[in-house]
Amino acid sequence: MDLVVEVRVLPPQLDVSRIAALARVEADDEMEEDLLKILDFIAILSRIPDDVEPMLSVVERAAPLREDEPGDTYPDIYALAPDTEGRFIRFISPIGRKT
């Protein structure tokens, strides 16, 4: 069972259609409702105290790391390059060239 809570914290006199008109956006009823939900969410977030510690994730565990595997990951690029030397691609530097 999903718990759905709708919280309306914006003042009732807020006219979303006026905001859309000021932003020069043609908004239908569905878009106005979405905009109102976004503004509600921003109002909820603005009530968070300043001393709350920022979070990177809601879970307290780190992401698993994989082992690095050395290797040539771009062999097709070397085949397309006009001049290579080992794993390096040679090119003419455009810096300092007169055009």
N, C-alpha and C. Protein backbone atom coordinates (compact mmCIF):
# COMPACT_ATOMS: atom_id res chain seq x y z
N MET A 1 0.83 -1.17 0.00
CA MET A 1 0.00 0.00 0.00
C MET A 1 0.88 1.24 0.00
N ASP A 2 0.71 2.11 -0.97
CA ASP A 2 1.46 3.35 -1.07
C ASP A 2 0.76 4.45 -0.30
N LEU A 3 1.54 5.19 0.43
CA LEU A 3 0.99 6.31 1.19
C LEU A 3 1.22 7.58 0.38
N VAL A 4 0.16 8.26 0.02
CA VAL A 4 0.26 9.48 -0.76
C VAL A 4 -0.23 10.62 0.12
N VAL A 5 0.64 11.60 0.29
CA VAL A 5 0.30 12.76 1.10
C VAL A 5 0.44 13.98 0.23
N GLU A 6 -0.59 14.76 0.12
CA GLU A 6 -0.52 16.00 -0.63
C GLU A 6 -0.51 17.15 0.36
N VAL A 7 0.52 17.95 0.27
CA VAL A 7 0.68 19.07 1.18
C VAL A 7 0.63 20.34 0.35
N ARG A 8 -0.25 21.23 0.70
CA ARG A 8 -0.37 22.50 0.00
C ARG A 8 0.10 23.58 0.96
N VAL A 9 1.30 24.15 0.70
CA VAL A 9 1.84 25.15 1.61
C VAL A 9 1.86 26.54 1.00
N LEU A 10 1.53 26.65 -0.28
CA LEU A 10 1.51 27.96 -0.91
C LEU A 10 0.24 28.70 -0.54
N PRO A 11 0.30 30.01 -0.55
CA PRO A 11 -0.91 30.77 -0.24
C PRO A 11 -1.98 30.52 -1.31
N PRO A 12 -3.23 30.47 -0.91
CA PRO A 12 -4.30 30.17 -1.86
C PRO A 12 -4.48 31.24 -2.93
N GLN A 13 -4.01 32.47 -2.66
CA GLN A 13 -4.19 33.53 -3.64
C GLN A 13 -3.15 33.45 -4.76
N LEU A 14 -2.21 32.50 -4.70
CA LEU A 14 -1.20 32.38 -5.74
C LEU A 14 -1.87 31.96 -7.04
N ASP A 15 -1.67 32.75 -8.06
CA ASP A 15 -2.29 32.50 -9.35
C ASP A 15 -1.23 31.97 -10.30
N VAL A 16 -1.24 30.66 -10.50
CA VAL A 16 -0.24 30.01 -11.34
C VAL A 16 -0.37 30.47 -12.79
N SER A 17 -1.58 30.72 -13.24
CA SER A 17 -1.76 31.18 -14.62
C SER A 17 -1.11 32.56 -14.82
N ARG A 18 -1.12 33.38 -13.78
CA ARG A 18 -0.46 34.70 -13.87
C ARG A 18 1.05 34.52 -13.96
N ILE A 19 1.60 33.58 -13.16
CA ILE A 19 3.04 33.31 -13.23
C ILE A 19 3.41 32.82 -14.62
N ALA A 20 2.59 31.94 -15.19
CA ALA A 20 2.86 31.43 -16.54
C ALA A 20 2.80 32.57 -17.56
N ALA A 21 1.85 33.49 -17.39
CA ALA A 21 1.74 34.62 -18.32
C ALA A 21 2.95 35.53 -18.20
N LEU A 22 3.42 35.77 -16.97
CA LEU A 22 4.61 36.61 -16.77
C LEU A 22 5.85 35.96 -17.38
N ALA A 23 5.88 34.63 -17.35
CA ALA A 23 7.01 33.91 -17.94
C ALA A 23 6.84 33.72 -19.44
N ARG A 24 5.72 34.23 -19.97
CA ARG A 24 5.39 34.10 -21.40
C ARG A 24 5.35 32.64 -21.83
N VAL A 25 4.67 31.85 -21.02
CA VAL A 25 4.50 30.42 -21.28
C VAL A 25 3.01 30.15 -21.43
N GLU A 26 2.66 29.47 -22.50
CA GLU A 26 1.27 29.07 -22.66
C GLU A 26 1.09 27.77 -21.88
N ALA A 27 0.34 27.84 -20.79
CA ALA A 27 0.19 26.69 -19.91
C ALA A 27 -1.25 26.21 -19.91
N ASP A 28 -1.41 24.91 -20.13
CA ASP A 28 -2.75 24.33 -20.02
C ASP A 28 -2.98 23.96 -18.55
N ASP A 29 -4.15 23.40 -18.26
CA ASP A 29 -4.48 23.07 -16.87
C ASP A 29 -3.51 22.07 -16.27
N GLU A 30 -3.08 21.08 -17.05
CA GLU A 30 -2.15 20.07 -16.54
C GLU A 30 -0.80 20.69 -16.20
N MET A 31 -0.32 21.57 -17.08
CA MET A 31 0.96 22.23 -16.83
C MET A 31 0.87 23.16 -15.61
N GLU A 32 -0.24 23.84 -15.46
CA GLU A 32 -0.42 24.70 -14.29
C GLU A 32 -0.42 23.89 -13.00
N GLU A 33 -1.05 22.72 -13.03
CA GLU A 33 -1.05 21.85 -11.85
C GLU A 33 0.35 21.36 -11.54
N ASP A 34 1.13 21.00 -12.58
CA ASP A 34 2.51 20.58 -12.38
C ASP A 34 3.35 21.72 -11.80
N LEU A 35 3.15 22.93 -12.32
CA LEU A 35 3.87 24.08 -11.80
C LEU A 35 3.53 24.34 -10.34
N LEU A 36 2.27 24.17 -9.99
CA LEU A 36 1.85 24.36 -8.61
C LEU A 36 2.50 23.32 -7.69
N LYS A 37 2.60 22.08 -8.16
CA LYS A 37 3.27 21.04 -7.38
C LYS A 37 4.74 21.37 -7.17
N ILE A 38 5.39 21.89 -8.22
CA ILE A 38 6.80 22.26 -8.10
C ILE A 38 6.98 23.39 -7.10
N LEU A 39 6.11 24.39 -7.18
CA LEU A 39 6.19 25.51 -6.24
C LEU A 39 5.90 25.06 -4.81
N ASP A 40 4.97 24.12 -4.65
CA ASP A 40 4.70 23.55 -3.33
C ASP A 40 5.95 22.88 -2.77
N PHE A 41 6.63 22.11 -3.62
CA PHE A 41 7.82 21.40 -3.18
C PHE A 41 8.93 22.37 -2.80
N ILE A 42 9.10 23.43 -3.57
CA ILE A 42 10.10 24.44 -3.24
C ILE A 42 9.77 25.11 -1.91
N ALA A 43 8.49 25.36 -1.66
CA ALA A 43 8.09 25.95 -0.38
C ALA A 43 8.40 25.01 0.78
N ILE A 44 8.19 23.71 0.58
CA ILE A 44 8.52 22.74 1.63
C ILE A 44 10.02 22.73 1.88
N LEU A 45 10.82 22.73 0.81
CA LEU A 45 12.27 22.72 0.97
C LEU A 45 12.78 23.99 1.64
N SER A 46 12.11 25.10 1.42
CA SER A 46 12.56 26.36 2.03
C SER A 46 12.37 26.36 3.54
N ARG A 47 11.57 25.44 4.07
CA ARG A 47 11.36 25.37 5.51
C ARG A 47 12.41 24.51 6.22
N ILE A 48 13.35 23.92 5.48
CA ILE A 48 14.40 23.10 6.09
C ILE A 48 15.37 24.03 6.81
N PRO A 49 15.69 23.75 8.06
CA PRO A 49 16.63 24.61 8.80
C PRO A 49 18.01 24.61 8.16
N ASP A 50 18.75 25.70 8.36
CA ASP A 50 20.08 25.84 7.78
C ASP A 50 21.11 24.89 8.39
N ASP A 51 20.86 24.41 9.60
CA ASP A 51 21.85 23.57 10.26
C ASP A 51 21.71 22.08 9.92
N VAL A 52 20.89 21.73 8.96
CA VAL A 52 20.74 20.33 8.55
C VAL A 52 21.95 19.95 7.70
N GLU A 53 22.56 18.83 8.03
CA GLU A 53 23.74 18.35 7.32
C GLU A 53 23.36 17.86 5.93
N PRO A 54 24.08 18.29 4.88
CA PRO A 54 23.76 17.82 3.52
C PRO A 54 24.00 16.32 3.39
N MET A 55 23.20 15.68 2.56
CA MET A 55 23.33 14.24 2.35
C MET A 55 23.67 13.97 0.88
N LEU A 56 24.51 12.98 0.65
CA LEU A 56 24.79 12.53 -0.70
C LEU A 56 23.84 11.42 -1.12
N SER A 57 23.36 10.68 -0.13
CA SER A 57 22.49 9.55 -0.42
C SER A 57 21.62 9.30 0.80
N VAL A 58 20.52 8.61 0.59
CA VAL A 58 19.66 8.28 1.72
C VAL A 58 20.10 7.00 2.40
N VAL A 59 21.00 6.25 1.78
CA VAL A 59 21.54 5.03 2.40
C VAL A 59 22.94 5.32 2.91
N GLU A 60 23.34 4.64 3.95
CA GLU A 60 24.62 4.90 4.62
C GLU A 60 25.72 3.96 4.14
N ARG A 61 25.68 3.53 2.91
CA ARG A 61 26.73 2.63 2.43
C ARG A 61 27.32 3.19 1.15
N ALA A 62 28.57 2.85 0.91
CA ALA A 62 29.25 3.34 -0.29
C ALA A 62 28.92 2.44 -1.47
N ALA A 63 29.05 2.98 -2.64
CA ALA A 63 28.83 2.20 -3.85
C ALA A 63 29.98 1.21 -4.01
N PRO A 64 29.70 -0.01 -4.46
CA PRO A 64 30.78 -0.98 -4.64
C PRO A 64 31.72 -0.54 -5.76
N LEU A 65 32.99 -0.75 -5.54
CA LEU A 65 34.00 -0.40 -6.53
C LEU A 65 34.40 -1.64 -7.31
N ARG A 66 34.73 -1.46 -8.56
CA ARG A 66 35.21 -2.58 -9.35
C ARG A 66 36.72 -2.44 -9.52
N GLU A 67 37.36 -3.53 -9.80
CA GLU A 67 38.80 -3.52 -10.02
C GLU A 67 39.11 -2.85 -11.36
N ASP A 68 40.16 -2.05 -11.39
CA ASP A 68 40.61 -1.47 -12.64
C ASP A 68 41.29 -2.54 -13.47
N GLU A 69 40.98 -2.53 -14.75
CA GLU A 69 41.60 -3.49 -15.66
C GLU A 69 42.32 -2.71 -16.74
N PRO A 70 43.66 -2.75 -16.73
CA PRO A 70 44.40 -2.00 -17.75
C PRO A 70 44.15 -2.61 -19.13
N GLY A 71 44.16 -1.77 -20.11
CA GLY A 71 43.98 -2.27 -21.46
C GLY A 71 43.72 -1.14 -22.43
N ASP A 72 43.72 -1.48 -23.68
CA ASP A 72 43.48 -0.50 -24.73
C ASP A 72 41.98 -0.46 -24.99
N THR A 73 41.34 0.61 -24.57
CA THR A 73 39.89 0.68 -24.67
C THR A 73 39.39 1.30 -25.96
N TYR A 74 40.30 1.90 -26.74
CA TYR A 74 39.87 2.57 -27.97
C TYR A 74 40.68 2.12 -29.18
N PRO A 75 40.72 0.83 -29.52
CA PRO A 75 41.54 0.40 -30.66
C PRO A 75 41.04 0.96 -31.99
N ASP A 76 39.74 1.21 -32.12
CA ASP A 76 39.21 1.72 -33.38
C ASP A 76 39.66 3.15 -33.66
N ILE A 77 39.89 3.93 -32.63
CA ILE A 77 40.34 5.31 -32.80
C ILE A 77 41.72 5.34 -33.43
N TYR A 78 42.59 4.43 -33.00
CA TYR A 78 43.94 4.39 -33.54
C TYR A 78 43.92 4.01 -35.02
N ALA A 79 42.98 3.17 -35.41
CA ALA A 79 42.87 2.78 -36.81
C ALA A 79 42.42 3.95 -37.68
N LEU A 80 41.65 4.88 -37.11
CA LEU A 80 41.17 6.04 -37.87
C LEU A 80 42.16 7.19 -37.89
N ALA A 81 43.10 7.21 -36.95
CA ALA A 81 44.04 8.33 -36.85
C ALA A 81 45.04 8.30 -38.01
N PRO A 82 45.37 9.47 -38.56
CA PRO A 82 46.30 9.48 -39.69
C PRO A 82 47.74 9.18 -39.29
N ASP A 83 48.13 9.47 -38.04
CA ASP A 83 49.51 9.24 -37.62
C ASP A 83 49.53 8.88 -36.14
N THR A 84 50.05 7.72 -35.81
CA THR A 84 50.12 7.29 -34.42
C THR A 84 51.53 6.85 -34.08
N GLU A 85 51.81 6.88 -32.80
CA GLU A 85 53.07 6.35 -32.28
C GLU A 85 52.75 5.63 -30.99
N GLY A 86 52.69 4.33 -31.02
CA GLY A 86 52.30 3.54 -29.86
C GLY A 86 50.85 3.85 -29.50
N ARG A 87 50.62 4.25 -28.27
CA ARG A 87 49.26 4.59 -27.82
C ARG A 87 48.94 6.06 -28.02
N PHE A 88 49.80 6.79 -28.71
CA PHE A 88 49.60 8.23 -28.89
C PHE A 88 49.19 8.55 -30.32
N ILE A 89 48.39 9.57 -30.46
CA ILE A 89 47.96 10.04 -31.78
C ILE A 89 48.69 11.35 -32.04
N ARG A 90 49.36 11.42 -33.19
CA ARG A 90 50.07 12.65 -33.55
C ARG A 90 49.12 13.56 -34.32
N PHE A 91 49.22 14.85 -34.05
CA PHE A 91 48.44 15.83 -34.79
C PHE A 91 49.22 17.13 -34.84
N ILE A 92 48.84 17.96 -35.79
CA ILE A 92 49.48 19.25 -35.91
C ILE A 92 48.78 20.22 -34.99
N SER A 93 49.53 20.86 -34.11
CA SER A 93 48.95 21.77 -33.15
C SER A 93 48.49 23.05 -33.83
N PRO A 94 47.27 23.47 -33.60
CA PRO A 94 46.80 24.72 -34.21
C PRO A 94 47.31 25.96 -33.47
N ILE A 95 47.95 25.77 -32.33
CA ILE A 95 48.45 26.90 -31.55
C ILE A 95 49.71 27.45 -32.20
N GLY A 96 49.70 28.74 -32.48
CA GLY A 96 50.87 29.38 -33.07
C GLY A 96 50.92 29.29 -34.58
N ARG A 97 49.97 28.61 -35.21
CA ARG A 97 49.94 28.51 -36.67
C ARG A 97 49.25 29.72 -37.25
N LYS A 98 49.76 30.20 -38.35
CA LYS A 98 49.11 31.30 -39.05
C LYS A 98 48.09 30.71 -40.02
N THR A 99 46.91 31.30 -40.03
CA THR A 99 45.87 30.76 -40.91
C THR A 99 45.73 31.60 -42.15
